[in-house]
């Protein structure tokens, strides 16, 4: 019986040490933690974690009629693929999001 209790304790402690998954691999994108961003909708698809970003006092200086402004959760796989696949250039970070500009073709 003592071995069973010890095994249960070890398993419970091991579960506490799990590494969190990348937020882009689970559920819906987190909401920005401030009012700097106005997220309009998924950039590459409806459920894309990278969101087309509208004008606010914070983003006004980054808007350009020849480029899209897109915000992704900082450090996410979605952000990395946006940089790798679309040549996104980082312009700012705020509230857990990285803001990119992507030139339109």
Protein backbone atom coordinates (compact mmCIF):
# COMPACT_ATOMS: atom_id res chain seq x y z
CA UNK A 1 0.00 0.00 0.00
CA UNK A 2 2.87 2.39 0.80
CA UNK A 3 4.32 1.81 -2.68
CA UNK A 4 0.99 2.72 -4.26
CA UNK A 5 0.77 5.98 -2.27
CA UNK A 6 4.39 6.81 -3.14
CA UNK A 7 3.73 6.13 -6.83
CA UNK A 8 0.66 8.39 -6.76
CA UNK A 9 2.66 11.18 -5.14
CA UNK A 10 5.46 10.89 -7.71
CA UNK A 11 2.96 10.99 -10.59
CA UNK A 12 1.20 14.02 -9.14
CA UNK A 13 4.50 15.89 -8.78
CA UNK A 14 5.55 14.95 -12.31
CA UNK A 15 2.33 16.41 -13.68
CA UNK A 16 3.20 19.76 -12.08
CA UNK A 17 6.40 19.95 -14.12
CA UNK A 18 4.76 19.70 -17.56
CA UNK A 19 5.88 22.36 -20.01
CA UNK A 20 3.09 24.61 -21.18
CA UNK A 21 2.12 24.20 -24.80
CA UNK A 22 2.55 26.92 -27.35
CA UNK A 23 -0.60 29.05 -27.18
CA UNK A 24 -0.97 28.85 -30.95
CA UNK A 25 -1.47 25.09 -30.64
CA UNK A 26 -4.57 25.30 -28.45
CA UNK A 27 -7.96 27.02 -28.43
CA UNK A 28 -8.69 30.60 -29.28
CA UNK A 29 -6.12 33.37 -29.35
CA UNK A 30 -5.67 35.23 -26.08
CA UNK A 31 -7.17 38.70 -25.85
CA UNK A 32 -4.76 41.62 -25.73
CA UNK A 33 -4.04 42.77 -22.21
CA UNK A 34 -4.49 46.46 -23.05
CA UNK A 35 -6.30 48.78 -25.42
CA UNK A 36 -3.35 49.32 -27.77
CA UNK A 37 -4.63 46.88 -30.39
CA UNK A 38 -7.88 46.60 -32.31
CA UNK A 39 -7.88 43.07 -33.69
CA UNK A 40 -10.13 42.87 -36.74
CA UNK A 41 -9.99 39.17 -37.65
CA UNK A 42 -7.73 36.29 -38.63
CA UNK A 43 -5.12 37.32 -41.20
CA UNK A 44 -4.56 34.12 -43.18
CA UNK A 45 -7.83 32.44 -42.21
CA UNK A 46 -10.74 32.99 -39.81
CA UNK A 47 -9.07 31.00 -37.03
CA UNK A 48 -5.55 32.41 -37.55
CA UNK A 49 -3.90 33.55 -34.31
CA UNK A 50 -2.31 36.39 -36.27
CA UNK A 51 -4.94 39.09 -36.57
CA UNK A 52 -5.35 41.95 -39.00
CA UNK A 53 -4.96 45.01 -36.81
CA UNK A 54 -6.92 48.23 -37.08
CA UNK A 55 -6.07 51.79 -36.19
CA UNK A 56 -5.67 52.93 -32.59
CA UNK A 57 -3.58 55.68 -31.03
CA UNK A 58 -0.81 53.06 -30.60
CA UNK A 59 -0.91 51.59 -34.13
CA UNK A 60 -1.47 54.83 -36.06
CA UNK A 61 2.24 55.38 -36.66
CA UNK A 62 2.66 51.90 -38.16
CA UNK A 63 -0.22 51.98 -40.63
CA UNK A 64 0.68 52.25 -44.30
CA UNK A 65 -1.63 52.11 -47.32
CA UNK A 66 0.81 49.70 -49.04
CA UNK A 67 1.03 47.18 -46.18
CA UNK A 68 -1.12 45.18 -43.77
CA UNK A 69 -0.66 45.59 -40.02
CA UNK A 70 -0.89 42.20 -38.28
CA UNK A 71 -0.56 41.26 -34.59
CA UNK A 72 0.36 37.80 -33.30
CA UNK A 73 0.82 36.41 -29.78
CA UNK A 74 4.49 37.05 -28.99
CA UNK A 75 6.66 33.94 -29.41
CA UNK A 76 3.91 31.81 -30.97
CA UNK A 77 4.32 29.42 -33.88
CA UNK A 78 1.78 31.54 -35.74
CA UNK A 79 4.08 34.57 -35.46
CA UNK A 80 7.11 32.61 -36.65
CA UNK A 81 5.30 31.24 -39.71
CA UNK A 82 4.09 34.75 -40.55
CA UNK A 83 7.71 35.95 -40.59
CA UNK A 84 8.99 32.89 -42.47
CA UNK A 85 6.23 32.62 -45.07
CA UNK A 86 5.21 36.24 -45.63
CA UNK A 87 8.29 38.28 -44.78
CA UNK A 88 6.57 40.11 -41.93
CA UNK A 89 8.67 42.87 -40.36
CA UNK A 90 8.28 43.50 -36.63
CA UNK A 91 7.38 47.09 -35.73
CA UNK A 92 6.25 46.89 -32.07
CA UNK A 93 5.31 44.75 -29.06
CA UNK A 94 2.49 45.38 -26.61
CA UNK A 95 0.37 43.40 -24.17
CA UNK A 96 1.65 39.95 -25.17
CA UNK A 97 1.40 40.66 -28.89
CA UNK A 98 4.03 41.41 -31.52
CA UNK A 99 2.94 43.78 -34.27
CA UNK A 100 4.17 43.23 -37.84
CA UNK A 101 3.84 45.00 -41.15
CA UNK A 102 3.46 42.95 -44.34
CA UNK A 103 3.84 44.58 -47.75
CA UNK A 104 0.92 44.00 -50.11
CA UNK A 105 1.78 42.74 -53.58
